[in-house]
Amino acid sequence: MNDLVRDLIPHAPQMGLYVGPDIPADKRRNALQDYADEMTPDEVLALYDATLMGNAKDGALFASDRFVFQNSDLESAQTVRYRDLVGVTVKRRLLGGRKIRLDVNRGRATFQLTMDFSGSTEAAEYVARFLDEAMH
């Protein structure tokens, strides 16, 4: 999975994308404390910072077997194992921006989750392509 992350997610701070080992420690720490406390720092392969302030308290962390994301403090964090993904679709938001619709299967239930990329529309395409490959 580490190679897949490096091949498909660019290290592009201007888009909020960071790939290890070049993930700023403060961003990783903030994300782990705010929405991904079940993950350890060593597990983090990449980070998407969705915040306008650049503190990474919203966004996504990608590990070798799963990813954890939070769109805002008003929403619960979501943990998704790559093996549970059955669909990844990029959509335009009504007032601009992008979102990634995730179809997730757990047991007998399939449900949808949405990752918000309003702050960095360019990052959505890279993350979606990675997730699409990771689910296969």
C-alpha atoms as a PDB file:
ATOM      1  CA  MET A   1       0.000   0.000   0.000  1.00  0.00           C
ATOM      2  CA  ASN A   2       2.923   2.314   0.691  1.00  0.00           C
ATOM      3  CA  ASP A   3       3.991   2.106  -2.976  1.00  0.00           C
ATOM      4  CA  LEU A   4       0.435   2.771  -4.131  1.00  0.00           C
ATOM      5  CA  VAL A   5       0.244   5.881  -1.945  1.00  0.00           C
ATOM      6  CA  ARG A   6       3.543   7.165  -3.335  1.00  0.00           C
ATOM      7  CA  ASP A   7       2.508   6.427  -6.929  1.00  0.00           C
ATOM      8  CA  LEU A   8      -0.963   7.984  -6.811  1.00  0.00           C
ATOM      9  CA  ILE A   9      -0.960  10.708  -4.161  1.00  0.00           C
ATOM     10  CA  PRO A  10       1.464  13.548  -4.825  1.00  0.00           C
ATOM     11  CA  HIS A  11       3.240  15.369  -2.030  1.00  0.00           C
ATOM     12  CA  ALA A  12       1.504  18.676  -2.769  1.00  0.00           C
ATOM     13  CA  PRO A  13       1.123  20.984   0.244  1.00  0.00           C
ATOM     14  CA  GLN A  14      -0.671  23.573  -1.925  1.00  0.00           C
ATOM     15  CA  MET A  15      -3.488  21.005  -2.262  1.00  0.00           C
ATOM     16  CA  GLY A  16      -3.291  19.873   1.361  1.00  0.00           C
ATOM     17  CA  LEU A  17      -1.689  16.546   0.408  1.00  0.00           C
ATOM     18  CA  TYR A  18       1.290  15.234   2.357  1.00  0.00           C
ATOM     19  CA  VAL A  19       3.023  11.901   1.814  1.00  0.00           C
ATOM     20  CA  GLY A  20       5.329  10.290   4.358  1.00  0.00           C
ATOM     21  CA  PRO A  21       7.995  10.709   5.454  1.00  0.00           C
ATOM     22  CA  ASP A  22       7.426  14.409   4.661  1.00  0.00           C
ATOM     23  CA  ILE A  23       4.265  14.872   6.737  1.00  0.00           C
ATOM     24  CA  PRO A  24       4.669  17.795   9.142  1.00  0.00           C
ATOM     25  CA  ALA A  25       4.652  16.443  12.694  1.00  0.00           C
ATOM     26  CA  ASP A  26       2.197  19.074  13.948  1.00  0.00           C
ATOM     27  CA  LYS A  27      -0.351  18.244  11.225  1.00  0.00           C
ATOM     28  CA  ARG A  28      -0.091  14.503  11.877  1.00  0.00           C
ATOM     29  CA  ARG A  29      -0.368  15.042  15.640  1.00  0.00           C
ATOM     30  CA  ASN A  30      -3.429  17.319  15.270  1.00  0.00           C
ATOM     31  CA  ALA A  31      -5.211  14.846  12.990  1.00  0.00           C
ATOM     32  CA  LEU A  32      -4.431  11.906  15.269  1.00  0.00           C
ATOM     33  CA  GLN A  33      -5.648  13.755  18.346  1.00  0.00           C
ATOM     34  CA  ASP A  34      -8.711  15.289  16.735  1.00  0.00           C
ATOM     35  CA  TYR A  35     -10.257  12.453  14.709  1.00  0.00           C
ATOM     36  CA  ALA A  36      -7.969   9.432  14.380  1.00  0.00           C
ATOM     37  CA  ASP A  37      -6.913   8.507  17.896  1.00  0.00           C
ATOM     38  CA  GLU A  38      -7.033   4.771  17.126  1.00  0.00           C
ATOM     39  CA  MET A  39      -4.201   5.189  14.616  1.00  0.00           C
ATOM     40  CA  THR A  40      -0.531   5.484  15.583  1.00  0.00           C
ATOM     41  CA  PRO A  41       1.910   7.996  14.045  1.00  0.00           C
ATOM     42  CA  ASP A  42       3.910   5.158  12.461  1.00  0.00           C
ATOM     43  CA  GLU A  43       0.836   3.917  10.572  1.00  0.00           C
ATOM     44  CA  VAL A  44       0.249   7.195   8.718  1.00  0.00           C
ATOM     45  CA  LEU A  45       1.316   6.928   5.069  1.00  0.00           C
ATOM     46  CA  ALA A  46      -0.356  10.124   3.837  1.00  0.00           C
ATOM     47  CA  LEU A  47      -2.454  13.007   5.103  1.00  0.00           C
ATOM     48  CA  TYR A  48      -5.041  15.270   3.500  1.00  0.00           C
ATOM     49  CA  ASP A  49      -5.462  18.577   5.331  1.00  0.00           C
ATOM     50  CA  ALA A  50      -8.953  19.910   4.597  1.00  0.00           C
ATOM     51  CA  THR A  51      -8.703  22.935   6.869  1.00  0.00           C
ATOM     52  CA  LEU A  52      -8.444  26.551   5.766  1.00  0.00           C
ATOM     53  CA  MET A  53      -6.177  27.317   8.727  1.00  0.00           C
ATOM     54  CA  GLY A  54      -3.752  24.521   7.827  1.00  0.00           C
ATOM     55  CA  ASN A  55      -3.970  22.758  11.184  1.00  0.00           C
ATOM     56  CA  ALA A  56      -5.147  19.378   9.760  1.00  0.00           C
ATOM     57  CA  LYS A  57      -7.916  18.988  12.347  1.00  0.00           C
ATOM     58  CA  ASP A  58     -10.234  18.033   9.465  1.00  0.00           C
ATOM     59  CA  GLY A  59      -9.235  15.869   6.547  1.00  0.00           C
ATOM     60  CA  ALA A  60      -8.013  12.303   6.179  1.00  0.00           C
ATOM     61  CA  LEU A  61      -5.208   9.998   7.274  1.00  0.00           C
ATOM     62  CA  PHE A  62      -4.271   7.005   5.138  1.00  0.00           C
ATOM     63  CA  ALA A  63      -2.707   3.825   6.570  1.00  0.00           C
ATOM     64  CA  SER A  64      -1.827   0.509   4.951  1.00  0.00           C
ATOM     65  CA  ASP A  65      -5.183  -1.170   5.694  1.00  0.00           C
ATOM     66  CA  ARG A  66      -7.618   1.711   6.270  1.00  0.00           C
ATOM     67  CA  PHE A  67      -8.208   5.424   6.219  1.00  0.00           C
ATOM     68  CA  VAL A  68      -9.880   7.741   8.704  1.00  0.00           C
ATOM     69  CA  PHE A  69     -11.534  11.008   7.736  1.00  0.00           C
ATOM     70  CA  GLN A  70     -13.545  13.815   9.231  1.00  0.00           C
ATOM     71  CA  ASN A  71     -15.180  16.532   7.136  1.00  0.00           C
ATOM     72  CA  SER A  72     -15.777  18.897  10.054  1.00  0.00           C
ATOM     73  CA  ASP A  73     -16.032  18.930  13.823  1.00  0.00           C
ATOM     74  CA  LEU A  74     -19.806  18.762  13.391  1.00  0.00           C
ATOM     75  CA  GLU A  75     -19.522  15.261  11.900  1.00  0.00           C
ATOM     76  CA  SER A  76     -18.216  12.052  13.401  1.00  0.00           C
ATOM     77  CA  ALA A  77     -14.938  10.651  12.150  1.00  0.00           C
ATOM     78  CA  GLN A  78     -15.269   7.684   9.802  1.00  0.00           C
ATOM     79  CA  THR A  79     -12.893   4.730   9.585  1.00  0.00           C
ATOM     80  CA  VAL A  80     -13.030   2.695   6.374  1.00  0.00           C
ATOM     81  CA  ARG A  81     -10.993  -0.392   5.570  1.00  0.00           C
ATOM     82  CA  TYR A  82      -9.938  -0.504   1.924  1.00  0.00           C
ATOM     83  CA  ARG A  83     -11.313  -4.034   1.624  1.00  0.00           C
ATOM     84  CA  ASP A  84     -14.797  -2.699   2.543  1.00  0.00           C
ATOM     85  CA  LEU A  85     -14.893  -0.189  -0.328  1.00  0.00           C
ATOM     86  CA  VAL A  86     -17.096  -1.215  -3.230  1.00  0.00           C
ATOM     87  CA  GLY A  87     -17.384   2.122  -5.038  1.00  0.00           C
ATOM     88  CA  VAL A  88     -15.597   5.465  -5.313  1.00  0.00           C
ATOM     89  CA  THR A  89     -17.116   8.362  -7.279  1.00  0.00           C
ATOM     90  CA  VAL A  90     -16.049  12.000  -7.576  1.00  0.00           C
ATOM     91  CA  LYS A  91     -18.949  14.452  -7.701  1.00  0.00           C
ATOM     92  CA  ARG A  92     -19.175  18.208  -8.120  1.00  0.00           C
ATOM     93  CA  ARG A  93     -20.737  20.099  -5.241  1.00  0.00           C
ATOM     94  CA  LEU A  94     -23.644  22.385  -6.045  1.00  0.00           C
ATOM     95  CA  LEU A  95     -21.874  25.587  -4.963  1.00  0.00           C
ATOM     96  CA  GLY A  96     -18.416  24.563  -6.136  1.00  0.00           C
ATOM     97  CA  GLY A  97     -15.837  22.163  -4.865  1.00  0.00           C
ATOM     98  CA  ARG A  98     -15.805  18.398  -5.049  1.00  0.00           C
ATOM     99  CA  LYS A  99     -16.815  15.458  -2.932  1.00  0.00           C
ATOM    100  CA  ILE A 100     -15.989  11.782  -3.076  1.00  0.00           C
ATOM    101  CA  ARG A 101     -18.885   9.413  -2.594  1.00  0.00           C
ATOM    102  CA  LEU A 102     -17.789   6.143  -1.018  1.00  0.00           C
ATOM    103  CA  ASP A 103     -19.865   2.985  -1.209  1.00  0.00           C
ATOM    104  CA  VAL A 104     -18.889   0.876   1.787  1.00  0.00           C
ATOM    105  CA  ASN A 105     -19.923  -2.712   2.436  1.00  0.00           C
ATOM    106  CA  ARG A 106     -19.838  -4.103   5.959  1.00  0.00           C
ATOM    107  CA  GLY A 107     -21.376  -7.506   6.371  1.00  0.00           C
ATOM    108  CA  ARG A 108     -24.769  -7.475   4.712  1.00  0.00           C
ATOM    109  CA  ALA A 109     -25.120  -3.705   4.593  1.00  0.00           C
ATOM    110  CA  THR A 110     -23.856  -1.301   1.962  1.00  0.00           C
ATOM    111  CA  PHE A 111     -23.999   2.384   2.780  1.00  0.00           C
ATOM    112  CA  GLN A 112     -22.612   5.663   1.476  1.00  0.00           C
ATOM    113  CA  LEU A 113     -20.188   8.096   3.031  1.00  0.00           C
ATOM    114  CA  THR A 114     -19.010  11.411   1.617  1.00  0.00           C
ATOM    115  CA  MET A 115     -15.578  13.005   1.840  1.00  0.00           C
ATOM    116  CA  ASP A 116     -15.694  16.769   1.331  1.00  0.00           C
ATOM    117  CA  PHE A 117     -13.042  18.425  -0.845  1.00  0.00           C
ATOM    118  CA  SER A 118     -14.558  21.909  -1.008  1.00  0.00           C
ATOM    119  CA  GLY A 119     -11.309  23.503   0.097  1.00  0.00           C
ATOM    120  CA  SER A 120      -9.108  21.709  -2.447  1.00  0.00           C
ATOM    121  CA  THR A 121     -10.912  20.414  -5.496  1.00  0.00           C
ATOM    122  CA  GLU A 122      -7.690  19.238  -7.156  1.00  0.00           C
ATOM    123  CA  ALA A 123      -6.910  16.875  -4.276  1.00  0.00           C
ATOM    124  CA  ALA A 124     -10.204  14.996  -4.764  1.00  0.00           C
ATOM    125  CA  GLU A 125      -9.092  13.451  -8.063  1.00  0.00           C
ATOM    126  CA  TYR A 126      -5.839  12.101  -6.585  1.00  0.00           C
ATOM    127  CA  VAL A 127      -7.490  10.691  -3.467  1.00  0.00           C
ATOM    128  CA  ALA A 128     -10.322   9.125  -5.486  1.00  0.00           C
ATOM    129  CA  ARG A 129      -7.885   7.452  -7.886  1.00  0.00           C
ATOM    130  CA  PHE A 130      -5.895   6.084  -4.931  1.00  0.00           C
ATOM    131  CA  LEU A 131      -9.023   4.770  -3.179  1.00  0.00           C
ATOM    132  CA  ASP A 132     -10.270   3.185  -6.403  1.00  0.00           C
ATOM    133  CA  GLU A 133      -6.984   1.313  -6.798  1.00  0.00           C
ATOM    134  CA  ALA A 134      -6.799   0.444  -3.090  1.00  0.00           C
ATOM    135  CA  MET A 135     -10.222  -1.218  -3.130  1.00  0.00           C
ATOM    136  CA  HIS A 136      -9.047  -3.586  -5.884  1.00  0.00           C
END
